[in-house]
Amino acid sequence: MADGTRVYAVNPRWTAQERRAARPQAKNDRLDAPAVARLVWREGTALPQVQGDDEASALDLLVSEREGALAEATRLRNQLHALLMQLDPL
């Protein structure tokens, strides 16, 4: 951004479908880079552009990270519950 390059905010969920279509199911930079490039090529004008360190960008990032953390916590709670039910189904 410092040299004038346009930077887009790309949610990882937007590229998940393209990653699933790739043979290896792991999430890594080798799979993500082409998926992100195709997404920006197709929908670049509709994607939000990053505008430096403004408060809205920081807040959006924090909200996204919080949602991810809550989803992971829920997943772990459900997994723990399922394991405990296997040990002692009541």
PDB file of N, CA and C in Angstrom:
ATOM      1  N   MET A   1       0.812  -1.191   0.000  1.00  0.00           N
ATOM      2  CA  MET A   1       0.000   0.000   0.000  1.00  0.00           C
ATOM      3  C   MET A   1       0.854   1.252   0.000  1.00  0.00           C
ATOM      4  N   ALA A   2       2.017   1.177   0.628  1.00  0.00           N
ATOM      5  CA  ALA A   2       2.872   2.357   0.719  1.00  0.00           C
ATOM      6  C   ALA A   2       3.315   2.847  -0.655  1.00  0.00           C
ATOM      7  N   ASP A   3       3.468   1.935  -1.628  1.00  0.00           N
ATOM      8  CA  ASP A   3       3.905   2.357  -2.961  1.00  0.00           C
ATOM      9  C   ASP A   3       2.747   2.529  -3.940  1.00  0.00           C
ATOM     10  N   GLY A   4       1.511   2.546  -3.429  1.00  0.00           N
ATOM     11  CA  GLY A   4       0.352   2.802  -4.274  1.00  0.00           C
ATOM     12  C   GLY A   4      -0.333   1.566  -4.829  1.00  0.00           C
ATOM     13  N   THR A   5       0.122   0.375  -4.458  1.00  0.00           N
ATOM     14  CA  THR A   5      -0.509  -0.854  -4.923  1.00  0.00           C
ATOM     15  C   THR A   5      -1.865  -1.019  -4.256  1.00  0.00           C
ATOM     16  N   ARG A   6      -2.872  -1.378  -5.048  1.00  0.00           N
ATOM     17  CA  ARG A   6      -4.198  -1.613  -4.479  1.00  0.00           C
ATOM     18  C   ARG A   6      -4.183  -2.911  -3.687  1.00  0.00           C
ATOM     19  N   VAL A   7      -4.752  -2.888  -2.496  1.00  0.00           N
ATOM     20  CA  VAL A   7      -4.833  -4.057  -1.631  1.00  0.00           C
ATOM     21  C   VAL A   7      -6.292  -4.293  -1.318  1.00  0.00           C
ATOM     22  N   TYR A   8      -6.740  -5.541  -1.493  1.00  0.00           N
ATOM     23  CA  TYR A   8      -8.135  -5.884  -1.251  1.00  0.00           C
ATOM     24  C   TYR A   8      -8.257  -6.742   0.001  1.00  0.00           C
ATOM     25  N   ALA A   9      -9.356  -6.559   0.712  1.00  0.00           N
ATOM     26  CA  ALA A   9      -9.668  -7.417   1.850  1.00  0.00           C
ATOM     27  C   ALA A   9     -10.414  -8.632   1.310  1.00  0.00           C
ATOM     28  N   VAL A  10      -9.814  -9.799   1.441  1.00  0.00           N
ATOM     29  CA  VAL A  10     -10.412 -11.033   0.928  1.00  0.00           C
ATOM     30  C   VAL A  10     -10.646 -11.974   2.100  1.00  0.00           C
ATOM     31  N   ASN A  11     -11.904 -12.254   2.353  1.00  0.00           N
ATOM     32  CA  ASN A  11     -12.277 -13.169   3.420  1.00  0.00           C
ATOM     33  C   ASN A  11     -11.906 -14.590   3.005  1.00  0.00           C
ATOM     34  N   PRO A  12     -11.254 -15.365   3.872  1.00  0.00           N
ATOM     35  CA  PRO A  12     -10.863 -16.728   3.513  1.00  0.00           C
ATOM     36  C   PRO A  12     -12.042 -17.614   3.119  1.00  0.00           C
ATOM     37  N   ARG A  13     -13.212 -17.319   3.642  1.00  0.00           N
ATOM     38  CA  ARG A  13     -14.396 -18.127   3.275  1.00  0.00           C
ATOM     39  C   ARG A  13     -14.742 -17.960   1.808  1.00  0.00           C
ATOM     40  N   TRP A  14     -14.390 -16.807   1.221  1.00  0.00           N
ATOM     41  CA  TRP A  14     -14.716 -16.563  -0.185  1.00  0.00           C
ATOM     42  C   TRP A  14     -13.914 -17.458  -1.115  1.00  0.00           C
ATOM     43  N   THR A  15     -12.742 -17.894  -0.676  1.00  0.00           N
ATOM     44  CA  THR A  15     -11.905 -18.744  -1.521  1.00  0.00           C
ATOM     45  C   THR A  15     -11.989 -20.214  -1.128  1.00  0.00           C
ATOM     46  N   ALA A  16     -12.759 -20.542  -0.111  1.00  0.00           N
ATOM     47  CA  ALA A  16     -12.831 -21.927   0.372  1.00  0.00           C
ATOM     48  C   ALA A  16     -13.333 -22.882  -0.709  1.00  0.00           C
ATOM     49  N   GLN A  17     -14.310 -22.465  -1.487  1.00  0.00           N
ATOM     50  CA  GLN A  17     -14.850 -23.342  -2.521  1.00  0.00           C
ATOM     51  C   GLN A  17     -13.781 -23.686  -3.556  1.00  0.00           C
ATOM     52  N   GLU A  18     -12.993 -22.714  -3.946  1.00  0.00           N
ATOM     53  CA  GLU A  18     -11.933 -22.986  -4.926  1.00  0.00           C
ATOM     54  C   GLU A  18     -10.851 -23.874  -4.329  1.00  0.00           C
ATOM     55  N   ARG A  19     -10.555 -23.716  -3.045  1.00  0.00           N
ATOM     56  CA  ARG A  19      -9.571 -24.590  -2.408  1.00  0.00           C
ATOM     57  C   ARG A  19     -10.089 -26.018  -2.341  1.00  0.00           C
ATOM     58  N   ARG A  20     -11.393 -26.178  -2.073  1.00  0.00           N
ATOM     59  CA  ARG A  20     -11.961 -27.525  -2.007  1.00  0.00           C
ATOM     60  C   ARG A  20     -11.902 -28.216  -3.357  1.00  0.00           C
ATOM     61  N   ALA A  21     -11.962 -27.438  -4.430  1.00  0.00           N
ATOM     62  CA  ALA A  21     -11.898 -28.015  -5.768  1.00  0.00           C
ATOM     63  C   ALA A  21     -10.491 -28.509  -6.101  1.00  0.00           C
ATOM     64  N   ALA A  22      -9.484 -27.973  -5.413  1.00  0.00           N
ATOM     65  CA  ALA A  22      -8.103 -28.420  -5.636  1.00  0.00           C
ATOM     66  C   ALA A  22      -7.918 -29.791  -4.997  1.00  0.00           C
ATOM     67  N   ARG A  23      -7.032 -30.571  -5.527  1.00  0.00           N
ATOM     68  CA  ARG A  23      -6.808 -31.931  -5.021  1.00  0.00           C
ATOM     69  C   ARG A  23      -6.414 -31.973  -3.545  1.00  0.00           C
ATOM     70  N   PRO A  24      -5.296 -31.361  -3.145  1.00  0.00           N
ATOM     71  CA  PRO A  24      -4.947 -31.410  -1.720  1.00  0.00           C
ATOM     72  C   PRO A  24      -5.943 -30.588  -0.913  1.00  0.00           C
ATOM     73  N   GLN A  25      -6.421 -31.131   0.179  1.00  0.00           N
ATOM     74  CA  GLN A  25      -7.440 -30.460   0.967  1.00  0.00           C
ATOM     75  C   GLN A  25      -6.852 -29.511   2.013  1.00  0.00           C
ATOM     76  N   ALA A  26      -5.548 -29.495   2.154  1.00  0.00           N
ATOM     77  CA  ALA A  26      -4.929 -28.626   3.157  1.00  0.00           C
ATOM     78  C   ALA A  26      -5.018 -27.168   2.723  1.00  0.00           C
ATOM     79  N   LYS A  27      -5.091 -26.282   3.707  1.00  0.00           N
ATOM     80  CA  LYS A  27      -5.081 -24.847   3.425  1.00  0.00           C
ATOM     81  C   LYS A  27      -3.633 -24.389   3.525  1.00  0.00           C
ATOM     82  N   ASN A  28      -3.104 -23.873   2.413  1.00  0.00           N
ATOM     83  CA  ASN A  28      -1.733 -23.376   2.434  1.00  0.00           C
ATOM     84  C   ASN A  28      -1.594 -22.266   1.402  1.00  0.00           C
ATOM     85  N   ASP A  29      -0.474 -21.580   1.442  1.00  0.00           N
ATOM     86  CA  ASP A  29      -0.257 -20.443   0.548  1.00  0.00           C
ATOM     87  C   ASP A  29      -0.256 -20.846  -0.923  1.00  0.00           C
ATOM     88  N   ARG A  30       0.249 -22.035  -1.222  1.00  0.00           N
ATOM     89  CA  ARG A  30       0.306 -22.497  -2.613  1.00  0.00           C
ATOM     90  C   ARG A  30      -1.098 -22.636  -3.199  1.00  0.00           C
ATOM     91  N   LEU A  31      -2.072 -23.043  -2.381  1.00  0.00           N
ATOM     92  CA  LEU A  31      -3.457 -23.156  -2.854  1.00  0.00           C
ATOM     93  C   LEU A  31      -4.207 -21.835  -2.737  1.00  0.00           C
ATOM     94  N   ASP A  32      -3.899 -21.080  -1.698  1.00  0.00           N
ATOM     95  CA  ASP A  32      -4.618 -19.824  -1.474  1.00  0.00           C
ATOM     96  C   ASP A  32      -4.291 -18.757  -2.508  1.00  0.00           C
ATOM     97  N   ALA A  33      -3.039 -18.650  -2.909  1.00  0.00           N
ATOM     98  CA  ALA A  33      -2.632 -17.567  -3.818  1.00  0.00           C
ATOM     99  C   ALA A  33      -3.399 -17.590  -5.133  1.00  0.00           C
ATOM    100  N   PRO A  34      -3.487 -18.741  -5.833  1.00  0.00           N
ATOM    101  CA  PRO A  34      -4.270 -18.740  -7.079  1.00  0.00           C
ATOM    102  C   PRO A  34      -5.761 -18.497  -6.841  1.00  0.00           C
ATOM    103  N   ALA A  35      -6.298 -19.012  -5.724  1.00  0.00           N
ATOM    104  CA  ALA A  35      -7.714 -18.816  -5.421  1.00  0.00           C
ATOM    105  C   ALA A  35      -8.009 -17.339  -5.185  1.00  0.00           C
ATOM    106  N   VAL A  36      -7.142 -16.662  -4.450  1.00  0.00           N
ATOM    107  CA  VAL A  36      -7.324 -15.236  -4.183  1.00  0.00           C
ATOM    108  C   VAL A  36      -7.158 -14.442  -5.470  1.00  0.00           C
ATOM    109  N   ALA A  37      -6.168 -14.806  -6.277  1.00  0.00           N
ATOM    110  CA  ALA A  37      -5.945 -14.094  -7.546  1.00  0.00           C
ATOM    111  C   ALA A  37      -7.161 -14.207  -8.460  1.00  0.00           C
ATOM    112  N   ARG A  38      -7.755 -15.403  -8.555  1.00  0.00           N
ATOM    113  CA  ARG A  38      -8.956 -15.578  -9.388  1.00  0.00           C
ATOM    114  C   ARG A  38     -10.121 -14.761  -8.846  1.00  0.00           C
ATOM    115  N   LEU A  39     -10.268 -14.741  -7.528  1.00  0.00           N
ATOM    116  CA  LEU A  39     -11.353 -13.970  -6.912  1.00  0.00           C
ATOM    117  C   LEU A  39     -11.189 -12.482  -7.188  1.00  0.00           C
ATOM    118  N   VAL A  40      -9.975 -11.953  -7.041  1.00  0.00           N
ATOM    119  CA  VAL A  40      -9.731 -10.532  -7.295  1.00  0.00           C
ATOM    120  C   VAL A  40      -9.930 -10.224  -8.778  1.00  0.00           C
ATOM    121  N   TRP A  41      -9.503 -11.122  -9.649  1.00  0.00           N
ATOM    122  CA  TRP A  41      -9.676 -10.919 -11.093  1.00  0.00           C
ATOM    123  C   TRP A  41     -11.158 -10.867 -11.459  1.00  0.00           C
ATOM    124  N   ARG A  42     -11.961 -11.789 -10.884  1.00  0.00           N
ATOM    125  CA  ARG A  42     -13.390 -11.844 -11.201  1.00  0.00           C
ATOM    126  C   ARG A  42     -14.181 -10.720 -10.542  1.00  0.00           C
ATOM    127  N   GLU A  43     -13.890 -10.438  -9.276  1.00  0.00           N
ATOM    128  CA  GLU A  43     -14.757  -9.554  -8.494  1.00  0.00           C
ATOM    129  C   GLU A  43     -14.015  -8.380  -7.872  1.00  0.00           C
ATOM    130  N   GLY A  44     -12.880  -7.992  -8.445  1.00  0.00           N
ATOM    131  CA  GLY A  44     -12.062  -6.930  -7.867  1.00  0.00           C
ATOM    132  C   GLY A  44     -12.796  -5.633  -7.616  1.00  0.00           C
ATOM    133  N   THR A  45     -13.687  -5.248  -8.524  1.00  0.00           N
ATOM    134  CA  THR A  45     -14.395  -3.977  -8.331  1.00  0.00           C
ATOM    135  C   THR A  45     -15.398  -4.044  -7.184  1.00  0.00           C
ATOM    136  N   ALA A  46     -15.858  -5.242  -6.835  1.00  0.00           N
ATOM    137  CA  ALA A  46     -16.835  -5.389  -5.759  1.00  0.00           C
ATOM    138  C   ALA A  46     -16.178  -5.639  -4.400  1.00  0.00           C
ATOM    139  N   LEU A  47     -14.899  -5.974  -4.391  1.00  0.00           N
ATOM    140  CA  LEU A  47     -14.209  -6.268  -3.134  1.00  0.00           C
ATOM    141  C   LEU A  47     -13.873  -4.982  -2.386  1.00  0.00           C
ATOM    142  N   PRO A  48     -13.909  -5.056  -1.055  1.00  0.00           N
ATOM    143  CA  PRO A  48     -13.516  -3.868  -0.288  1.00  0.00           C
ATOM    144  C   PRO A  48     -12.021  -3.636  -0.418  1.00  0.00           C
ATOM    145  N   GLN A  49     -11.650  -2.385  -0.651  1.00  0.00           N
ATOM    146  CA  GLN A  49     -10.245  -2.032  -0.779  1.00  0.00           C
ATOM    147  C   GLN A  49      -9.715  -1.580   0.577  1.00  0.00           C
ATOM    148  N   VAL A  50      -8.557  -2.060   0.959  1.00  0.00           N
ATOM    149  CA  VAL A  50      -7.936  -1.677   2.229  1.00  0.00           C
ATOM    150  C   VAL A  50      -7.416  -0.254   2.099  1.00  0.00           C
ATOM    151  N   GLN A  51      -7.707   0.565   3.078  1.00  0.00           N
ATOM    152  CA  GLN A  51      -7.342   1.984   3.027  1.00  0.00           C
ATOM    153  C   GLN A  51      -6.363   2.367   4.130  1.00  0.00           C
ATOM    154  N   GLY A  52      -5.396   1.567   4.405  1.00  0.00           N
ATOM    155  CA  GLY A  52      -4.416   1.913   5.426  1.00  0.00           C
ATOM    156  C   GLY A  52      -4.905   1.565   6.816  1.00  0.00           C
ATOM    157  N   ASP A  53      -4.409   2.285   7.785  1.00  0.00           N
ATOM    158  CA  ASP A  53      -4.719   1.992   9.175  1.00  0.00           C
ATOM    159  C   ASP A  53      -5.866   2.848   9.697  1.00  0.00           C
ATOM    160  N   ASP A  54      -6.987   2.819   8.995  1.00  0.00           N
ATOM    161  CA  ASP A  54      -8.126   3.576   9.499  1.00  0.00           C
ATOM    162  C   ASP A  54      -8.861   2.740  10.548  1.00  0.00           C
ATOM    163  N   GLU A  55      -9.664   3.397  11.358  1.00  0.00           N
ATOM    164  CA  GLU A  55     -10.350   2.736  12.465  1.00  0.00           C
ATOM    165  C   GLU A  55     -11.344   1.689  11.972  1.00  0.00           C
ATOM    166  N   ALA A  56     -12.011   1.936  10.859  1.00  0.00           N
ATOM    167  CA  ALA A  56     -12.991   0.982  10.346  1.00  0.00           C
ATOM    168  C   ALA A  56     -12.324  -0.333   9.946  1.00  0.00           C
ATOM    169  N   SER A  57     -11.154  -0.260   9.322  1.00  0.00           N
ATOM    170  CA  SER A  57     -10.431  -1.472   8.936  1.00  0.00           C
ATOM    171  C   SER A  57     -10.008  -2.262  10.164  1.00  0.00           C
ATOM    172  N   ALA A  58      -9.511  -1.558  11.164  1.00  0.00           N
ATOM    173  CA  ALA A  58      -9.083  -2.225  12.396  1.00  0.00           C
ATOM    174  C   ALA A  58     -10.267  -2.873  13.089  1.00  0.00           C
ATOM    175  N   LEU A  59     -11.386  -2.180  13.146  1.00  0.00           N
ATOM    176  CA  LEU A  59     -12.580  -2.732  13.776  1.00  0.00           C
ATOM    177  C   LEU A  59     -13.104  -3.938  13.007  1.00  0.00           C
ATOM    178  N   ASP A  60     -13.105  -3.845  11.690  1.00  0.00           N
ATOM    179  CA  ASP A  60     -13.554  -4.967  10.866  1.00  0.00           C
ATOM    180  C   ASP A  60     -12.684  -6.193  11.099  1.00  0.00           C
ATOM    181  N   LEU A  61     -11.380  -5.996  11.181  1.00  0.00           N
ATOM    182  CA  LEU A  61     -10.468  -7.105  11.438  1.00  0.00           C
ATOM    183  C   LEU A  61     -10.734  -7.710  12.813  1.00  0.00           C
ATOM    184  N   LEU A  62     -10.921  -6.870  13.815  1.00  0.00           N
ATOM    185  CA  LEU A  62     -11.203  -7.376  15.154  1.00  0.00           C
ATOM    186  C   LEU A  62     -12.512  -8.159  15.201  1.00  0.00           C
ATOM    187  N   VAL A  63     -13.533  -7.667  14.522  1.00  0.00           N
ATOM    188  CA  VAL A  63     -14.820  -8.368  14.486  1.00  0.00           C
ATOM    189  C   VAL A  63     -14.660  -9.726  13.798  1.00  0.00           C
ATOM    190  N   SER A  64     -13.942  -9.756  12.696  1.00  0.00           N
ATOM    191  CA  SER A  64     -13.718 -11.022  11.983  1.00  0.00           C
ATOM    192  C   SER A  64     -12.955 -12.016  12.847  1.00  0.00           C
ATOM    193  N   GLU A  65     -11.915 -11.535  13.522  1.00  0.00           N
ATOM    194  CA  GLU A  65     -11.132 -12.417  14.387  1.00  0.00           C
ATOM    195  C   GLU A  65     -11.978 -12.922  15.553  1.00  0.00           C
ATOM    196  N   ARG A  66     -12.817 -12.057  16.108  1.00  0.00           N
ATOM    197  CA  ARG A  66     -13.685 -12.468  17.218  1.00  0.00           C
ATOM    198  C   ARG A  66     -14.664 -13.539  16.762  1.00  0.00           C
ATOM    199  N   GLU A  67     -15.260 -13.352  15.576  1.00  0.00           N
ATOM    200  CA  GLU A  67     -16.196 -14.347  15.049  1.00  0.00           C
ATOM    201  C   GLU A  67     -15.501 -15.688  14.839  1.00  0.00           C
ATOM    202  N   GLY A  68     -14.281 -15.646  14.333  1.00  0.00           N
ATOM    203  CA  GLY A  68     -13.524 -16.878  14.137  1.00  0.00           C
ATOM    204  C   GLY A  68     -13.204 -17.556  15.457  1.00  0.00           C
ATOM    205  N   ALA A  69     -12.819 -16.769  16.454  1.00  0.00           N
ATOM    206  CA  ALA A  69     -12.500 -17.329  17.766  1.00  0.00           C
ATOM    207  C   ALA A  69     -13.740 -17.934  18.419  1.00  0.00           C
ATOM    208  N   LEU A  70     -14.877 -17.262  18.285  1.00  0.00           N
ATOM    209  CA  LEU A  70     -16.118 -17.808  18.851  1.00  0.00           C
ATOM    210  C   LEU A  70     -16.526 -19.103  18.151  1.00  0.00           C
ATOM    211  N   ALA A  71     -16.380 -19.146  16.839  1.00  0.00           N
ATOM    212  CA  ALA A  71     -16.715 -20.362  16.096  1.00  0.00           C
ATOM    213  C   ALA A  71     -15.799 -21.511  16.513  1.00  0.00           C
ATOM    214  N   GLU A  72     -14.528 -21.226  16.680  1.00  0.00           N
ATOM    215  CA  GLU A  72     -13.582 -22.269  17.107  1.00  0.00           C
ATOM    216  C   GLU A  72     -13.898 -22.733  18.522  1.00  0.00           C
ATOM    217  N   ALA A  73     -14.236 -21.809  19.425  1.00  0.00           N
ATOM    218  CA  ALA A  73     -14.595 -22.180  20.794  1.00  0.00           C
ATOM    219  C   ALA A  73     -15.844 -23.060  20.805  1.00  0.00           C
ATOM    220  N   THR A  74     -16.818 -22.733  19.991  1.00  0.00           N
ATOM    221  CA  THR A  74     -18.037 -23.541  19.896  1.00  0.00           C
ATOM    222  C   THR A  74     -17.718 -24.935  19.367  1.00  0.00           C
ATOM    223  N   ARG A  75     -16.866 -24.989  18.341  1.00  0.00           N
ATOM    224  CA  ARG A  75     -16.481 -26.279  17.778  1.00  0.00           C
ATOM    225  C   ARG A  75     -15.788 -27.139  18.826  1.00  0.00           C
ATOM    226  N   LEU A  76     -14.878 -26.543  19.594  1.00  0.00           N
ATOM    227  CA  LEU A  76     -14.160 -27.288  20.622  1.00  0.00           C
ATOM    228  C   LEU A  76     -15.092 -27.742  21.748  1.00  0.00           C
ATOM    229  N   ARG A  77     -16.029 -26.882  22.149  1.00  0.00           N
ATOM    230  CA  ARG A  77     -17.009 -27.278  23.173  1.00  0.00           C
ATOM    231  C   ARG A  77     -17.844 -28.459  22.706  1.00  0.00           C
ATOM    232  N   ASN A  78     -18.298 -28.397  21.452  1.00  0.00           N
ATOM    233  CA  ASN A  78     -19.098 -29.495  20.910  1.00  0.00           C
ATOM    234  C   ASN A  78     -18.291 -30.784  20.831  1.00  0.00           C
ATOM    235  N   GLN A  79     -17.028 -30.671  20.442  1.00  0.00           N
ATOM    236  CA  GLN A  79     -16.164 -31.846  20.366  1.00  0.00           C
ATOM    237  C   GLN A  79     -15.955 -32.438  21.754  1.00  0.00           C
ATOM    238  N   LEU A  80     -15.697 -31.582  22.747  1.00  0.00           N
ATOM    239  CA  LEU A  80     -15.526 -32.045  24.119  1.00  0.00           C
ATOM    240  C   LEU A  80     -16.796 -32.711  24.630  1.00  0.00           C
ATOM    241  N   HIS A  81     -17.927 -32.118  24.357  1.00  0.00           N
ATOM    242  CA  HIS A  81     -19.208 -32.686  24.773  1.00  0.00           C
ATOM    243  C   HIS A  81     -19.405 -34.072  24.163  1.00  0.00           C
ATOM    244  N   ALA A  82     -19.113 -34.222  22.889  1.00  0.00           N
ATOM    245  CA  ALA A  82     -19.260 -35.514  22.229  1.00  0.00           C
ATOM    246  C   ALA A  82     -18.330 -36.558  22.846  1.00  0.00           C
ATOM    247  N   LEU A  83     -17.106 -36.158  23.156  1.00  0.00           N
ATOM    248  CA  LEU A  83     -16.167 -37.095  23.780  1.00  0.00           C
ATOM    249  C   LEU A  83     -16.628 -37.495  25.180  1.00  0.00           C
ATOM    250  N   LEU A  84     -17.120 -36.536  25.949  1.00  0.00           N
ATOM    251  CA  LEU A  84     -17.619 -36.852  27.289  1.00  0.00           C
ATOM    252  C   LEU A  84     -18.843 -37.755  27.237  1.00  0.00           C
ATOM    253  N   MET A  85     -19.685 -37.562  26.244  1.00  0.00           N
ATOM    254  CA  MET A  85     -20.865 -38.426  26.087  1.00  0.00           C
ATOM    255  C   MET A  85     -20.448 -39.858  25.739  1.00  0.00           C
ATOM    256  N   GLN A  86     -19.351 -40.022  25.030  1.00  0.00           N
ATOM    257  CA  GLN A  86     -18.856 -41.381  24.734  1.00  0.00           C
ATOM    258  C   GLN A  86     -18.338 -42.062  25.991  1.00  0.00           C
ATOM    259  N   LEU A  87     -17.728 -41.278  26.894  1.00  0.00           N
ATOM    260  CA  LEU A  87     -17.185 -41.841  28.123  1.00  0.00           C
ATOM    261  C   LEU A  87     -18.271 -42.187  29.116  1.00  0.00           C
ATOM    262  N   ASP A  88     -19.263 -41.317  29.246  1.00  0.00           N
ATOM    263  CA  ASP A  88     -20.334 -41.537  30.230  1.00  0.00           C
ATOM    264  C   ASP A  88     -21.657 -41.042  29.650  1.00  0.00           C
ATOM    265  N   PRO A  89     -22.345 -41.910  28.894  1.00  0.00           N
ATOM    266  CA  PRO A  89     -23.588 -41.480  28.216  1.00  0.00           C
ATOM    267  C   PRO A  89     -24.766 -41.249  29.174  1.00  0.00           C
ATOM    268  N   LEU A  90     -24.565 -41.397  30.466  1.00  0.00           N
ATOM    269  CA  LEU A  90     -25.579 -41.207  31.502  1.00  0.00           C
ATOM    270  C   LEU A  90     -26.432 -42.378  31.593  1.00  0.00           C
TER     271      LEU A  90
END
